[in-house]
Amino acid sequence: FGDLADPDSDVSKSVVDRGGFNLLDEFGYEPVNKYLPPRSNEVSIGEVSVEAEVPQPDGSAIERLFAWADAALSR
């Protein structure tokens, strides 16, 4: 949330950095909402950018449960 009219606001900078765009622009509206594409997995630490680590499955019971539920719900 923030002031999109202020180009120096955090939200305005996020829209520009992430390639945000107007919602329902094709209808000629002038919306105040913007769509922000998902963030990348890249994380900035100070001036160094590193790729965020994606957790790897460890075969635990909870992971097996989620895998079963995912398969059951994907049918």
PDB file of N, CA and C in Angstrom:
ATOM      1  N   PHE A   1       0.841  -1.171   0.000  1.00  0.00           N
ATOM      2  CA  PHE A   1       0.000   0.000   0.000  1.00  0.00           C
ATOM      3  C   PHE A   1       0.886   1.234   0.000  1.00  0.00           C
ATOM      4  N   GLY A   2       0.391   2.274  -0.611  1.00  0.00           N
ATOM      5  CA  GLY A   2       1.157   3.498  -0.636  1.00  0.00           C
ATOM      6  C   GLY A   2       0.599   4.474  -1.646  1.00  0.00           C
ATOM      7  N   ASP A   3       1.337   5.519  -1.910  1.00  0.00           N
ATOM      8  CA  ASP A   3       0.911   6.583  -2.806  1.00  0.00           C
ATOM      9  C   ASP A   3       1.517   6.360  -4.187  1.00  0.00           C
ATOM     10  N   LEU A   4       0.691   5.879  -5.129  1.00  0.00           N
ATOM     11  CA  LEU A   4       1.185   5.646  -6.484  1.00  0.00           C
ATOM     12  C   LEU A   4       1.464   6.950  -7.228  1.00  0.00           C
ATOM     13  N   ALA A   5       0.895   8.057  -6.752  1.00  0.00           N
ATOM     14  CA  ALA A   5       1.139   9.353  -7.386  1.00  0.00           C
ATOM     15  C   ALA A   5       2.524   9.896  -7.053  1.00  0.00           C
ATOM     16  N   ASP A   6       3.146   9.350  -6.018  1.00  0.00           N
ATOM     17  CA  ASP A   6       4.485   9.781  -5.607  1.00  0.00           C
ATOM     18  C   ASP A   6       5.507   8.808  -6.179  1.00  0.00           C
ATOM     19  N   PRO A   7       6.271   9.222  -7.193  1.00  0.00           N
ATOM     20  CA  PRO A   7       7.233   8.303  -7.820  1.00  0.00           C
ATOM     21  C   PRO A   7       8.348   7.848  -6.880  1.00  0.00           C
ATOM     22  N   ASP A   8       8.536   8.532  -5.751  1.00  0.00           N
ATOM     23  CA  ASP A   8       9.576   8.144  -4.806  1.00  0.00           C
ATOM     24  C   ASP A   8       9.067   7.229  -3.695  1.00  0.00           C
ATOM     25  N   SER A   9       7.756   6.908  -3.708  1.00  0.00           N
ATOM     26  CA  SER A   9       7.209   6.036  -2.665  1.00  0.00           C
ATOM     27  C   SER A   9       7.645   4.590  -2.913  1.00  0.00           C
ATOM     28  N   ASP A  10       7.677   3.799  -1.854  1.00  0.00           N
ATOM     29  CA  ASP A  10       8.087   2.392  -1.973  1.00  0.00           C
ATOM     30  C   ASP A  10       7.191   1.630  -2.934  1.00  0.00           C
ATOM     31  N   VAL A  11       5.883   1.888  -2.876  1.00  0.00           N
ATOM     32  CA  VAL A  11       4.966   1.152  -3.742  1.00  0.00           C
ATOM     33  C   VAL A  11       5.188   1.517  -5.216  1.00  0.00           C
ATOM     34  N   SER A  12       5.441   2.776  -5.508  1.00  0.00           N
ATOM     35  CA  SER A  12       5.713   3.187  -6.894  1.00  0.00           C
ATOM     36  C   SER A  12       6.992   2.538  -7.412  1.00  0.00           C
ATOM     37  N   LYS A  13       7.997   2.486  -6.549  1.00  0.00           N
ATOM     38  CA  LYS A  13       9.257   1.846  -6.941  1.00  0.00           C
ATOM     39  C   LYS A  13       9.057   0.357  -7.184  1.00  0.00           C
ATOM     40  N   SER A  14       8.230  -0.302  -6.364  1.00  0.00           N
ATOM     41  CA  SER A  14       7.954  -1.729  -6.543  1.00  0.00           C
ATOM     42  C   SER A  14       7.248  -1.984  -7.871  1.00  0.00           C
ATOM     43  N   VAL A  15       6.298  -1.119  -8.218  1.00  0.00           N
ATOM     44  CA  VAL A  15       5.564  -1.265  -9.479  1.00  0.00           C
ATOM     45  C   VAL A  15       6.540  -1.183 -10.659  1.00  0.00           C
ATOM     46  N   VAL A  16       7.440  -0.231 -10.613  1.00  0.00           N
ATOM     47  CA  VAL A  16       8.415  -0.069 -11.696  1.00  0.00           C
ATOM     48  C   VAL A  16       9.401  -1.240 -11.727  1.00  0.00           C
ATOM     49  N   ASP A  17       9.963  -1.604 -10.568  1.00  0.00           N
ATOM     50  CA  ASP A  17      10.966  -2.670 -10.498  1.00  0.00           C
ATOM     51  C   ASP A  17      10.422  -4.016 -10.953  1.00  0.00           C
ATOM     52  N   ARG A  18       9.158  -4.306 -10.616  1.00  0.00           N
ATOM     53  CA  ARG A  18       8.593  -5.618 -10.903  1.00  0.00           C
ATOM     54  C   ARG A  18       7.724  -5.638 -12.145  1.00  0.00           C
ATOM     55  N   GLY A  19       7.648  -4.526 -12.873  1.00  0.00           N
ATOM     56  CA  GLY A  19       6.883  -4.498 -14.118  1.00  0.00           C
ATOM     57  C   GLY A  19       5.381  -4.529 -13.892  1.00  0.00           C
ATOM     58  N   GLY A  20       4.913  -3.841 -12.858  1.00  0.00           N
ATOM     59  CA  GLY A  20       3.484  -3.800 -12.572  1.00  0.00           C
ATOM     60  C   GLY A  20       2.712  -3.076 -13.655  1.00  0.00           C
ATOM     61  N   PHE A  21       1.416  -3.383 -13.731  1.00  0.00           N
ATOM     62  CA  PHE A  21       0.587  -2.736 -14.742  1.00  0.00           C
ATOM     63  C   PHE A  21      -0.830  -2.544 -14.201  1.00  0.00           C
ATOM     64  N   ASN A  22      -1.592  -1.665 -14.892  1.00  0.00           N
ATOM     65  CA  ASN A  22      -2.960  -1.361 -14.487  1.00  0.00           C
ATOM     66  C   ASN A  22      -3.857  -2.565 -14.682  1.00  0.00           C
ATOM     67  N   LEU A  23      -4.838  -2.710 -13.786  1.00  0.00           N
ATOM     68  CA  LEU A  23      -5.868  -3.728 -13.943  1.00  0.00           C
ATOM     69  C   LEU A  23      -7.024  -3.129 -14.741  1.00  0.00           C
ATOM     70  N   LEU A  24      -7.609  -3.912 -15.637  1.00  0.00           N
ATOM     71  CA  LEU A  24      -8.756  -3.510 -16.456  1.00  0.00           C
ATOM     72  C   LEU A  24      -8.470  -2.290 -17.321  1.00  0.00           C
ATOM     73  N   ASP A  25      -7.236  -2.141 -17.723  1.00  0.00           N
ATOM     74  CA  ASP A  25      -6.834  -1.000 -18.552  1.00  0.00           C
ATOM     75  C   ASP A  25      -7.565  -1.004 -19.895  1.00  0.00           C
ATOM     76  N   GLU A  26      -7.909  -2.198 -20.392  1.00  0.00           N
ATOM     77  CA  GLU A  26      -8.560  -2.323 -21.701  1.00  0.00           C
ATOM     78  C   GLU A  26      -9.966  -1.711 -21.724  1.00  0.00           C
ATOM     79  N   PHE A  27     -10.552  -1.441 -20.570  1.00  0.00           N
ATOM     80  CA  PHE A  27     -11.873  -0.837 -20.509  1.00  0.00           C
ATOM     81  C   PHE A  27     -11.817   0.684 -20.447  1.00  0.00           C
ATOM     82  N   GLY A  28     -10.628   1.243 -20.482  1.00  0.00           N
ATOM     83  CA  GLY A  28     -10.473   2.685 -20.459  1.00  0.00           C
ATOM     84  C   GLY A  28     -10.581   3.288 -19.074  1.00  0.00           C
ATOM     85  N   TYR A  29     -10.582   2.438 -18.056  1.00  0.00           N
ATOM     86  CA  TYR A  29     -10.625   2.931 -16.684  1.00  0.00           C
ATOM     87  C   TYR A  29      -9.265   3.525 -16.330  1.00  0.00           C
ATOM     88  N   GLU A  30      -9.238   4.302 -15.305  1.00  0.00           N
ATOM     89  CA  GLU A  30      -7.980   4.774 -14.750  1.00  0.00           C
ATOM     90  C   GLU A  30      -7.900   4.222 -13.338  1.00  0.00           C
ATOM     91  N   PRO A  31      -7.564   2.938 -13.228  1.00  0.00           N
ATOM     92  CA  PRO A  31      -7.610   2.285 -11.916  1.00  0.00           C
ATOM     93  C   PRO A  31      -6.511   2.762 -10.985  1.00  0.00           C
ATOM     94  N   VAL A  32      -6.787   2.626  -9.700  1.00  0.00           N
ATOM     95  CA  VAL A  32      -5.782   2.944  -8.697  1.00  0.00           C
ATOM     96  C   VAL A  32      -5.050   1.680  -8.259  1.00  0.00           C
ATOM     97  N   ASN A  33      -5.504   0.531  -8.734  1.00  0.00           N
ATOM     98  CA  ASN A  33      -4.860  -0.741  -8.399  1.00  0.00           C
ATOM     99  C   ASN A  33      -3.896  -1.138  -9.497  1.00  0.00           C
ATOM    100  N   LYS A  34      -2.820  -1.747  -9.108  1.00  0.00           N
ATOM    101  CA  LYS A  34      -1.826  -2.246 -10.049  1.00  0.00           C
ATOM    102  C   LYS A  34      -1.618  -3.731  -9.786  1.00  0.00           C
ATOM    103  N   TYR A  35      -1.307  -4.476 -10.840  1.00  0.00           N
ATOM    104  CA  TYR A  35      -0.935  -5.872 -10.679  1.00  0.00           C
ATOM    105  C   TYR A  35       0.576  -5.938 -10.589  1.00  0.00           C
ATOM    106  N   LEU A  36       1.091  -6.644  -9.584  1.00  0.00           N
ATOM    107  CA  LEU A  36       2.531  -6.865  -9.459  1.00  0.00           C
ATOM    108  C   LEU A  36       2.808  -8.332  -9.729  1.00  0.00           C
ATOM    109  N   PRO A  37       3.616  -8.636 -10.748  1.00  0.00           N
ATOM    110  CA  PRO A  37       3.988 -10.027 -10.988  1.00  0.00           C
ATOM    111  C   PRO A  37       4.699 -10.605  -9.767  1.00  0.00           C
ATOM    112  N   PRO A  38       4.710 -11.933  -9.644  1.00  0.00           N
ATOM    113  CA  PRO A  38       5.391 -12.560  -8.502  1.00  0.00           C
ATOM    114  C   PRO A  38       6.854 -12.140  -8.423  1.00  0.00           C
ATOM    115  N   ARG A  39       7.350 -12.100  -7.205  1.00  0.00           N
ATOM    116  CA  ARG A  39       8.758 -11.777  -6.983  1.00  0.00           C
ATOM    117  C   ARG A  39       9.623 -12.924  -7.464  1.00  0.00           C
ATOM    118  N   SER A  40      10.848 -12.608  -7.817  1.00  0.00           N
ATOM    119  CA  SER A  40      11.789 -13.664  -8.178  1.00  0.00           C
ATOM    120  C   SER A  40      12.313 -14.301  -6.903  1.00  0.00           C
ATOM    121  N   ASN A  41      13.049 -15.386  -7.043  1.00  0.00           N
ATOM    122  CA  ASN A  41      13.643 -16.049  -5.881  1.00  0.00           C
ATOM    123  C   ASN A  41      14.912 -15.360  -5.424  1.00  0.00           C
ATOM    124  N   GLU A  42      15.272 -14.279  -6.092  1.00  0.00           N
ATOM    125  CA  GLU A  42      16.509 -13.587  -5.744  1.00  0.00           C
ATOM    126  C   GLU A  42      16.293 -12.726  -4.513  1.00  0.00           C
ATOM    127  N   VAL A  43      17.207 -12.815  -3.592  1.00  0.00           N
ATOM    128  CA  VAL A  43      17.131 -12.069  -2.339  1.00  0.00           C
ATOM    129  C   VAL A  43      18.342 -11.154  -2.262  1.00  0.00           C
ATOM    130  N   SER A  44      18.120  -9.892  -1.893  1.00  0.00           N
ATOM    131  CA  SER A  44      19.240  -8.964  -1.734  1.00  0.00           C
ATOM    132  C   SER A  44      19.667  -8.926  -0.284  1.00  0.00           C
ATOM    133  N   ILE A  45      20.948  -9.093  -0.060  1.00  0.00           N
ATOM    134  CA  ILE A  45      21.522  -8.976   1.272  1.00  0.00           C
ATOM    135  C   ILE A  45      22.570  -7.886   1.177  1.00  0.00           C
ATOM    136  N   GLY A  46      22.184  -6.695   1.663  1.00  0.00           N
ATOM    137  CA  GLY A  46      23.081  -5.555   1.491  1.00  0.00           C
ATOM    138  C   GLY A  46      23.206  -5.261   0.005  1.00  0.00           C
ATOM    139  N   GLU A  47      24.422  -5.234  -0.488  1.00  0.00           N
ATOM    140  CA  GLU A  47      24.645  -4.991  -1.906  1.00  0.00           C
ATOM    141  C   GLU A  47      24.846  -6.282  -2.681  1.00  0.00           C
ATOM    142  N   VAL A  48      24.764  -7.425  -2.009  1.00  0.00           N
ATOM    143  CA  VAL A  48      24.992  -8.712  -2.649  1.00  0.00           C
ATOM    144  C   VAL A  48      23.655  -9.384  -2.913  1.00  0.00           C
ATOM    145  N   SER A  49      23.444  -9.846  -4.141  1.00  0.00           N
ATOM    146  CA  SER A  49      22.236 -10.592  -4.470  1.00  0.00           C
ATOM    147  C   SER A  49      22.576 -12.071  -4.501  1.00  0.00           C
ATOM    148  N   VAL A  50      21.735 -12.865  -3.857  1.00  0.00           N
ATOM    149  CA  VAL A  50      21.922 -14.309  -3.851  1.00  0.00           C
ATOM    150  C   VAL A  50      20.608 -14.964  -4.215  1.00  0.00           C
ATOM    151  N   GLU A  51      20.688 -16.141  -4.802  1.00  0.00           N
ATOM    152  CA  GLU A  51      19.500 -16.911  -5.133  1.00  0.00           C
ATOM    153  C   GLU A  51      18.970 -17.547  -3.853  1.00  0.00           C
ATOM    154  N   ALA A  52      17.681 -17.366  -3.585  1.00  0.00           N
ATOM    155  CA  ALA A  52      17.081 -17.947  -2.380  1.00  0.00           C
ATOM    156  C   ALA A  52      17.102 -19.466  -2.484  1.00  0.00           C
ATOM    157  N   GLU A  53      17.384 -20.115  -1.376  1.00  0.00           N
ATOM    158  CA  GLU A  53      17.411 -21.573  -1.366  1.00  0.00           C
ATOM    159  C   GLU A  53      15.989 -22.112  -1.325  1.00  0.00           C
ATOM    160  N   VAL A  54      15.714 -23.069  -2.194  1.00  0.00           N
ATOM    161  CA  VAL A  54      14.422 -23.725  -2.208  1.00  0.00           C
ATOM    162  C   VAL A  54      14.544 -24.977  -1.354  1.00  0.00           C
ATOM    163  N   PRO A  55      13.659 -25.114  -0.358  1.00  0.00           N
ATOM    164  CA  PRO A  55      13.765 -26.288   0.506  1.00  0.00           C
ATOM    165  C   PRO A  55      13.601 -27.578  -0.299  1.00  0.00           C
ATOM    166  N   GLN A  56      14.407 -28.565   0.016  1.00  0.00           N
ATOM    167  CA  GLN A  56      14.345 -29.860  -0.662  1.00  0.00           C
ATOM    168  C   GLN A  56      13.544 -30.837   0.191  1.00  0.00           C
ATOM    169  N   PRO A  57      12.750 -31.694  -0.458  1.00  0.00           N
ATOM    170  CA  PRO A  57      11.972 -32.675   0.297  1.00  0.00           C
ATOM    171  C   PRO A  57      12.892 -33.585   1.106  1.00  0.00           C
ATOM    172  N   ASP A  58      12.451 -33.907   2.313  1.00  0.00           N
ATOM    173  CA  ASP A  58      13.269 -34.784   3.150  1.00  0.00           C
ATOM    174  C   ASP A  58      12.585 -36.121   3.411  1.00  0.00           C
ATOM    175  N   GLY A  59      11.405 -36.343   2.804  1.00  0.00           N
ATOM    176  CA  GLY A  59      10.726 -37.620   2.958  1.00  0.00           C
ATOM    177  C   GLY A  59       9.989 -37.767   4.279  1.00  0.00           C
ATOM    178  N   SER A  60       9.789 -36.656   4.993  1.00  0.00           N
ATOM    179  CA  SER A  60       9.114 -36.730   6.284  1.00  0.00           C
ATOM    180  C   SER A  60       7.636 -37.087   6.082  1.00  0.00           C
ATOM    181  N   ALA A  61       6.990 -37.495   7.155  1.00  0.00           N
ATOM    182  CA  ALA A  61       5.582 -37.884   7.102  1.00  0.00           C
ATOM    183  C   ALA A  61       4.706 -36.727   6.625  1.00  0.00           C
ATOM    184  N   ILE A  62       4.993 -35.518   7.070  1.00  0.00           N
ATOM    185  CA  ILE A  62       4.175 -34.370   6.667  1.00  0.00           C
ATOM    186  C   ILE A  62       4.344 -34.084   5.183  1.00  0.00           C
ATOM    187  N   GLU A  63       5.537 -34.249   4.652  1.00  0.00           N
ATOM    188  CA  GLU A  63       5.748 -34.046   3.223  1.00  0.00           C
ATOM    189  C   GLU A  63       5.029 -35.107   2.411  1.00  0.00           C
ATOM    190  N   ARG A  64       5.041 -36.343   2.884  1.00  0.00           N
ATOM    191  CA  ARG A  64       4.313 -37.415   2.190  1.00  0.00           C
ATOM    192  C   ARG A  64       2.812 -37.133   2.213  1.00  0.00           C
ATOM    193  N   LEU A  65       2.306 -36.603   3.339  1.00  0.00           N
ATOM    194  CA  LEU A  65       0.886 -36.247   3.440  1.00  0.00           C
ATOM    195  C   LEU A  65       0.542 -35.156   2.430  1.00  0.00           C
ATOM    196  N   PHE A  66       1.377 -34.106   2.355  1.00  0.00           N
ATOM    197  CA  PHE A  66       1.107 -33.032   1.407  1.00  0.00           C
ATOM    198  C   PHE A  66       1.213 -33.524  -0.036  1.00  0.00           C
ATOM    199  N   ALA A  67       2.144 -34.395  -0.330  1.00  0.00           N
ATOM    200  CA  ALA A  67       2.269 -34.958  -1.677  1.00  0.00           C
ATOM    201  C   ALA A  67       1.021 -35.751  -2.030  1.00  0.00           C
ATOM    202  N   TRP A  68       0.512 -36.551  -1.066  1.00  0.00           N
ATOM    203  CA  TRP A  68      -0.713 -37.323  -1.299  1.00  0.00           C
ATOM    204  C   TRP A  68      -1.890 -36.378  -1.546  1.00  0.00           C
ATOM    205  N   ALA A  69      -2.030 -35.348  -0.691  1.00  0.00           N
ATOM    206  CA  ALA A  69      -3.145 -34.393  -0.841  1.00  0.00           C
ATOM    207  C   ALA A  69      -3.048 -33.654  -2.170  1.00  0.00           C
ATOM    208  N   ASP A  70      -1.847 -33.269  -2.570  1.00  0.00           N
ATOM    209  CA  ASP A  70      -1.654 -32.578  -3.840  1.00  0.00           C
ATOM    210  C   ASP A  70      -2.080 -33.474  -4.996  1.00  0.00           C
ATOM    211  N   ALA A  71      -1.671 -34.732  -4.953  1.00  0.00           N
ATOM    212  CA  ALA A  71      -2.042 -35.672  -6.021  1.00  0.00           C
ATOM    213  C   ALA A  71      -3.553 -35.906  -6.033  1.00  0.00           C
ATOM    214  N   ALA A  72      -4.155 -36.061  -4.852  1.00  0.00           N
ATOM    215  CA  ALA A  72      -5.591 -36.313  -4.778  1.00  0.00           C
ATOM    216  C   ALA A  72      -6.397 -35.122  -5.281  1.00  0.00           C
ATOM    217  N   LEU A  73      -5.966 -33.917  -4.964  1.00  0.00           N
ATOM    218  CA  LEU A  73      -6.699 -32.730  -5.368  1.00  0.00           C
ATOM    219  C   LEU A  73      -6.429 -32.314  -6.803  1.00  0.00           C
ATOM    220  N   SER A  74      -5.376 -32.846  -7.405  1.00  0.00           N
ATOM    221  CA  SER A  74      -5.029 -32.491  -8.783  1.00  0.00           C
ATOM    222  C   SER A  74      -5.785 -33.328  -9.814  1.00  0.00           C
ATOM    223  N   ARG A  75      -6.502 -34.323  -9.359  1.00  0.00           N
ATOM    224  CA  ARG A  75      -7.229 -35.211 -10.298  1.00  0.00           C
ATOM    225  C   ARG A  75      -8.464 -34.564 -10.815  1.00  0.00           C
TER     226      ARG A  75
END
